[in-house]
Amino acid sequence: MKRPRSITVVAWIFIVAGVGGILADLWPLLTPDSAAQLAKLRADGITDISLAWGTRALAIVGGINTLRGLNWARWLLAAWMVFHVIMSLFHSAGEAMAHCAIFAPLAYLLFRKAAAPFFR
C-alpha cells in the first residue's frame, strides 16, 4: 500500500524535531561562543543531556520507522507525545495546552482509519 501523505508529514515532523533539538545543542559549539555552550552542557550534567538527546533520538527513530510502515513506530511516536504532554504539565498551563494543541492532530493523523492499512 502507498504511504498516506499525512503519515509522511507527521513522520518528518518528528524527524526534524529530533534532529533540530540535537543540533540546537551542538550548533553553538561551532560558534565563537562555544565555551559558554560547553559550560552550559556541563552544568546540565550527563543525566539531563542523555535524557534530552535520548528522547530526541526516539523521535528520529520513530519518524524513520513510521515512514517504513512499522506499527510499533507510530506507537512510539504516540508515547513520545504523551511523555511531552505530561512533562509540560510541570511547566505551565499554557505550555500544556500548546502541547495538546500540537499533538492531538498528529495523533489523529497517525491513528485515523485511513492510515491503518499502511501499518499492517
Protein backbone atom coordinates (compact mmCIF):
# COMPACT_ATOMS: atom_id res chain seq x y z
CA MET A 1 0.00 0.00 0.00
CA LYS A 2 1.15 3.52 -0.75
CA ARG A 3 2.03 5.61 2.29
CA PRO A 4 -0.61 8.26 3.07
CA ARG A 5 0.73 11.79 2.66
CA SER A 6 -0.38 12.66 6.20
CA ILE A 7 1.85 9.89 7.61
CA THR A 8 4.79 11.24 5.62
CA VAL A 9 4.22 14.73 7.02
CA VAL A 10 3.84 13.53 10.62
CA ALA A 11 6.92 11.31 10.41
CA TRP A 12 9.03 14.14 9.01
CA ILE A 13 7.80 16.50 11.73
CA PHE A 14 9.23 14.10 14.32
CA ILE A 15 12.47 13.57 12.42
CA VAL A 16 13.00 17.32 12.06
CA ALA A 17 12.09 17.93 15.71
CA GLY A 18 14.58 15.30 16.89
CA VAL A 19 17.41 16.42 14.64
CA GLY A 20 16.65 20.08 15.34
CA GLY A 21 16.77 19.53 19.08
CA ILE A 22 20.15 17.82 18.93
CA LEU A 23 21.54 20.45 16.55
CA ALA A 24 20.26 23.21 18.85
CA ASP A 25 22.65 21.88 21.50
CA LEU A 26 25.55 21.11 19.18
CA TRP A 27 25.49 24.04 16.75
CA PRO A 28 26.57 26.65 19.34
CA LEU A 29 29.71 24.57 19.90
CA LEU A 30 30.82 25.66 16.42
CA THR A 31 30.41 29.37 17.13
CA PRO A 32 32.78 31.84 18.82
CA ASP A 33 30.64 31.46 21.96
CA SER A 34 31.39 27.73 22.17
CA ALA A 35 32.93 27.95 25.66
CA ALA A 36 29.64 29.21 27.11
CA GLN A 37 27.67 26.43 25.41
CA LEU A 38 30.13 23.81 26.60
CA ALA A 39 29.83 25.18 30.13
CA LYS A 40 26.03 25.03 29.84
CA LEU A 41 26.15 21.41 28.68
CA ARG A 42 28.49 20.51 31.54
CA ALA A 43 26.25 22.30 34.04
CA ASP A 44 23.21 20.41 32.75
CA GLY A 45 25.00 17.16 33.55
CA ILE A 46 25.26 13.91 31.66
CA THR A 47 21.94 12.64 33.01
CA ASP A 48 19.92 15.60 31.73
CA ILE A 49 21.72 15.63 28.39
CA SER A 50 21.24 11.87 27.98
CA LEU A 51 17.52 12.13 28.68
CA ALA A 52 17.09 15.08 26.31
CA TRP A 53 19.10 13.55 23.49
CA GLY A 54 17.56 10.13 24.13
CA THR A 55 14.03 11.47 23.67
CA ARG A 56 15.15 13.35 20.57
CA ALA A 57 16.72 10.17 19.21
CA LEU A 58 13.45 8.33 19.86
CA ALA A 59 11.62 10.95 17.79
CA ILE A 60 14.06 10.34 14.94
CA VAL A 61 13.83 6.54 15.18
CA GLY A 62 10.04 6.68 15.42
CA GLY A 63 9.77 9.02 12.46
CA ILE A 64 12.05 6.95 10.24
CA ASN A 65 10.30 3.69 11.06
CA THR A 66 6.87 5.26 10.69
CA LEU A 67 7.90 6.14 7.14
CA ARG A 68 8.69 2.44 6.71
CA GLY A 69 5.18 1.49 7.87
CA LEU A 70 6.16 -0.23 11.10
CA ASN A 71 3.25 -0.23 13.53
CA TRP A 72 5.41 -0.10 16.68
CA ALA A 73 6.91 3.14 15.41
CA ARG A 74 3.62 5.01 15.38
CA TRP A 75 3.02 3.78 18.93
CA LEU A 76 6.48 5.04 19.85
CA LEU A 77 5.56 8.46 18.46
CA ALA A 78 2.29 8.37 20.42
CA ALA A 79 4.19 7.53 23.62
CA TRP A 80 6.68 10.31 22.83
CA MET A 81 3.78 12.75 22.53
CA VAL A 82 2.18 11.60 25.79
CA PHE A 83 5.54 11.94 27.55
CA HIS A 84 5.90 15.52 26.32
CA VAL A 85 2.37 16.46 27.33
CA ILE A 86 2.97 15.04 30.82
CA MET A 87 6.30 16.87 31.11
CA SER A 88 4.65 20.12 30.03
CA LEU A 89 2.21 19.79 32.94
CA PHE A 90 5.15 20.54 35.24
CA HIS A 91 5.82 23.84 33.47
CA SER A 92 2.75 25.95 32.80
CA ALA A 93 -0.87 25.53 31.80
CA GLY A 94 -0.16 27.42 28.58
CA GLU A 95 2.65 25.07 27.63
CA ALA A 96 0.49 22.03 28.40
CA MET A 97 -2.32 23.41 26.25
CA ALA A 98 0.14 24.18 23.44
CA HIS A 99 1.49 20.63 23.51
CA CYS A 100 -2.05 19.22 23.45
CA ALA A 101 -2.97 21.51 20.56
CA ILE A 102 0.08 20.35 18.61
CA PHE A 103 -0.09 16.65 19.42
CA ALA A 104 -3.84 16.00 19.16
CA PRO A 105 -3.94 16.46 15.37
CA LEU A 106 -0.71 14.47 14.96
CA ALA A 107 -2.17 11.59 16.97
CA TYR A 108 -5.35 11.74 14.93
CA LEU A 109 -3.36 11.54 11.70
CA LEU A 110 -1.30 8.60 12.97
CA PHE A 111 -4.30 6.57 14.12
CA ARG A 112 -7.12 7.53 11.76
CA LYS A 113 -8.88 4.79 9.90
CA ALA A 114 -7.37 5.72 6.53
CA ALA A 115 -3.83 5.28 7.90
CA ALA A 116 -4.40 1.87 9.50
CA PRO A 117 -3.90 -0.24 6.33
CA PHE A 118 -0.44 1.25 5.81
CA PHE A 119 0.69 -0.13 9.16
CA ARG A 120 -0.49 -3.69 8.55
